[in-house]
Amino acid sequence: MKTEITKEEFEEFERVRQSGRTNMYDVDTVIALSHGLTREKCIQIMKGYSELKKKYMEAREWKYMIQ
């Protein structure tokens, strides 16, 4: 059963990804570097990354373009 990935969870995953400190397929390290992500959430984000990026990141980019 899939659980909803929140914007905050996606942004935490993205923070770790952008830090460049680990290979994102090393889920144990991603978990250790994140603030509260679980193995299940990491894998779910990885599987749905493109859709989650559209859902959460593009809306933020538009916000800054409008201001």
N, C-alpha and C. Protein backbone atom coordinates (compact mmCIF):
# COMPACT_ATOMS: atom_id res chain seq x y z
N MET A 1 0.84 -1.19 0.00
CA MET A 1 0.00 0.00 0.00
C MET A 1 0.88 1.25 0.00
N LYS A 2 0.63 2.13 -0.94
CA LYS A 2 1.38 3.37 -1.01
C LYS A 2 0.85 4.38 -0.01
N THR A 3 1.76 5.10 0.59
CA THR A 3 1.37 6.21 1.44
C THR A 3 1.72 7.50 0.72
N GLU A 4 1.05 8.54 1.06
CA GLU A 4 1.29 9.85 0.43
C GLU A 4 2.66 10.38 0.81
N ILE A 5 3.39 10.87 -0.18
CA ILE A 5 4.66 11.55 0.06
C ILE A 5 4.34 13.03 0.19
N THR A 6 4.71 13.61 1.31
CA THR A 6 4.43 15.03 1.52
C THR A 6 5.49 15.88 0.82
N LYS A 7 5.17 17.11 0.67
CA LYS A 7 6.11 18.07 0.08
C LYS A 7 7.38 18.12 0.91
N GLU A 8 7.23 18.11 2.22
CA GLU A 8 8.39 18.18 3.11
C GLU A 8 9.29 16.95 2.96
N GLU A 9 8.68 15.78 2.81
CA GLU A 9 9.47 14.55 2.62
C GLU A 9 10.21 14.59 1.29
N PHE A 10 9.53 15.04 0.25
CA PHE A 10 10.20 15.15 -1.05
C PHE A 10 11.34 16.15 -0.99
N GLU A 11 11.12 17.29 -0.36
CA GLU A 11 12.16 18.30 -0.25
C GLU A 11 13.34 17.80 0.58
N GLU A 12 13.09 16.98 1.57
CA GLU A 12 14.18 16.40 2.36
C GLU A 12 15.01 15.45 1.50
N PHE A 13 14.34 14.61 0.73
CA PHE A 13 15.03 13.73 -0.21
C PHE A 13 15.86 14.56 -1.19
N GLU A 14 15.27 15.61 -1.71
CA GLU A 14 15.94 16.49 -2.67
C GLU A 14 17.14 17.20 -2.03
N ARG A 15 17.02 17.57 -0.77
CA ARG A 15 18.14 18.21 -0.07
C ARG A 15 19.33 17.25 -0.02
N VAL A 16 19.07 16.00 0.32
CA VAL A 16 20.13 15.00 0.37
C VAL A 16 20.71 14.79 -1.03
N ARG A 17 19.84 14.69 -2.03
CA ARG A 17 20.29 14.47 -3.41
C ARG A 17 21.20 15.61 -3.87
N GLN A 18 20.77 16.83 -3.63
CA GLN A 18 21.53 17.98 -4.09
C GLN A 18 22.83 18.19 -3.31
N SER A 19 22.92 17.62 -2.13
CA SER A 19 24.16 17.75 -1.35
C SER A 19 25.31 17.00 -2.02
N GLY A 20 24.99 15.97 -2.82
CA GLY A 20 26.02 15.21 -3.50
C GLY A 20 26.84 14.31 -2.58
N ARG A 21 26.38 14.09 -1.38
CA ARG A 21 27.16 13.34 -0.39
C ARG A 21 27.05 11.84 -0.54
N THR A 22 26.09 11.37 -1.35
CA THR A 22 25.92 9.92 -1.48
C THR A 22 25.29 9.57 -2.82
N ASN A 23 25.48 8.34 -3.21
CA ASN A 23 24.75 7.78 -4.33
C ASN A 23 23.33 7.55 -3.83
N MET A 24 22.36 8.06 -4.51
CA MET A 24 20.98 7.99 -4.01
C MET A 24 20.43 6.57 -3.99
N TYR A 25 21.10 5.64 -4.66
CA TYR A 25 20.68 4.24 -4.59
C TYR A 25 21.17 3.57 -3.31
N ASP A 26 22.03 4.25 -2.56
CA ASP A 26 22.47 3.75 -1.26
C ASP A 26 21.46 4.23 -0.22
N VAL A 27 20.34 3.55 -0.17
CA VAL A 27 19.20 3.99 0.63
C VAL A 27 19.55 4.13 2.11
N ASP A 28 20.39 3.23 2.63
CA ASP A 28 20.76 3.33 4.05
C ASP A 28 21.46 4.66 4.35
N THR A 29 22.32 5.10 3.44
CA THR A 29 23.01 6.38 3.64
C THR A 29 22.05 7.55 3.46
N VAL A 30 21.15 7.45 2.50
CA VAL A 30 20.15 8.51 2.31
C VAL A 30 19.33 8.67 3.59
N ILE A 31 18.92 7.54 4.18
CA ILE A 31 18.16 7.58 5.43
C ILE A 31 18.98 8.25 6.53
N ALA A 32 20.25 7.88 6.63
CA ALA A 32 21.11 8.44 7.68
C ALA A 32 21.32 9.94 7.50
N LEU A 33 21.39 10.41 6.27
CA LEU A 33 21.63 11.83 6.00
C LEU A 33 20.35 12.66 6.07
N SER A 34 19.21 12.01 5.95
CA SER A 34 17.95 12.75 5.96
C SER A 34 17.47 12.95 7.39
N HIS A 35 16.48 13.78 7.49
CA HIS A 35 15.85 14.01 8.79
C HIS A 35 14.50 13.34 8.80
N GLY A 36 14.50 12.02 9.04
CA GLY A 36 13.25 11.32 9.25
C GLY A 36 12.70 10.48 8.11
N LEU A 37 13.38 10.40 6.98
CA LEU A 37 12.86 9.55 5.91
C LEU A 37 13.05 8.08 6.25
N THR A 38 12.07 7.27 5.91
CA THR A 38 12.16 5.83 6.11
C THR A 38 12.59 5.16 4.81
N ARG A 39 12.97 3.91 4.91
CA ARG A 39 13.34 3.13 3.72
C ARG A 39 12.18 3.13 2.72
N GLU A 40 10.98 2.88 3.21
CA GLU A 40 9.82 2.82 2.34
C GLU A 40 9.57 4.15 1.62
N LYS A 41 9.70 5.24 2.36
CA LYS A 41 9.49 6.56 1.76
C LYS A 41 10.57 6.85 0.70
N CYS A 42 11.82 6.53 1.00
CA CYS A 42 12.90 6.75 0.04
C CYS A 42 12.65 5.99 -1.25
N ILE A 43 12.30 4.74 -1.13
CA ILE A 43 12.06 3.92 -2.31
C ILE A 43 10.85 4.42 -3.08
N GLN A 44 9.82 4.82 -2.37
CA GLN A 44 8.64 5.36 -3.03
C GLN A 44 8.97 6.66 -3.77
N ILE A 45 9.77 7.51 -3.17
CA ILE A 45 10.18 8.76 -3.83
C ILE A 45 11.01 8.43 -5.07
N MET A 46 11.92 7.49 -4.95
CA MET A 46 12.75 7.11 -6.10
C MET A 46 11.89 6.60 -7.25
N LYS A 47 10.91 5.78 -6.95
CA LYS A 47 10.05 5.21 -7.99
C LYS A 47 9.17 6.27 -8.65
N GLY A 48 8.74 7.26 -7.89
CA GLY A 48 7.84 8.28 -8.43
C GLY A 48 8.48 9.64 -8.54
N TYR A 49 9.82 9.68 -8.64
CA TYR A 49 10.55 10.95 -8.59
C TYR A 49 10.02 11.98 -9.59
N SER A 50 9.86 11.58 -10.85
CA SER A 50 9.44 12.54 -11.89
C SER A 50 8.10 13.17 -11.57
N GLU A 51 7.15 12.35 -11.15
CA GLU A 51 5.82 12.86 -10.83
C GLU A 51 5.85 13.76 -9.60
N LEU A 52 6.63 13.35 -8.60
CA LEU A 52 6.73 14.16 -7.39
C LEU A 52 7.43 15.48 -7.66
N LYS A 53 8.42 15.46 -8.53
CA LYS A 53 9.11 16.70 -8.88
C LYS A 53 8.14 17.67 -9.56
N LYS A 54 7.34 17.15 -10.48
CA LYS A 54 6.34 18.00 -11.13
C LYS A 54 5.35 18.56 -10.11
N LYS A 55 4.92 17.70 -9.21
CA LYS A 55 3.91 18.09 -8.22
C LYS A 55 4.43 19.15 -7.26
N TYR A 56 5.66 18.99 -6.77
CA TYR A 56 6.15 19.86 -5.70
C TYR A 56 7.16 20.92 -6.15
N MET A 57 8.03 20.61 -7.07
CA MET A 57 9.10 21.56 -7.41
C MET A 57 8.65 22.60 -8.42
N GLU A 58 7.93 22.20 -9.44
CA GLU A 58 7.54 23.17 -10.46
C GLU A 58 6.62 24.23 -9.90
N ALA A 59 5.76 23.87 -8.99
CA ALA A 59 4.88 24.87 -8.36
C ALA A 59 5.70 25.91 -7.63
N ARG A 60 6.77 25.47 -6.97
CA ARG A 60 7.65 26.39 -6.24
C ARG A 60 8.37 27.31 -7.21
N GLU A 61 8.84 26.77 -8.34
CA GLU A 61 9.53 27.59 -9.33
C GLU A 61 8.61 28.66 -9.90
N TRP A 62 7.34 28.32 -10.18
CA TRP A 62 6.40 29.30 -10.68
C TRP A 62 6.17 30.41 -9.68
N LYS A 63 6.14 30.07 -8.40
CA LYS A 63 5.93 31.06 -7.35
C LYS A 63 6.99 32.16 -7.44
N TYR A 64 8.24 31.74 -7.64
CA TYR A 64 9.32 32.72 -7.71
C TYR A 64 9.32 33.51 -9.00
N MET A 65 8.82 32.91 -10.08
CA MET A 65 8.76 33.61 -11.36
C MET A 65 7.71 34.71 -11.35
N ILE A 66 6.65 34.51 -10.58
CA ILE A 66 5.56 35.47 -10.53
C ILE A 66 5.94 36.71 -9.72
N GLN A 67 6.73 36.54 -8.69
CA GLN A 67 7.06 37.65 -7.78
C GLN A 67 7.92 38.69 -8.41
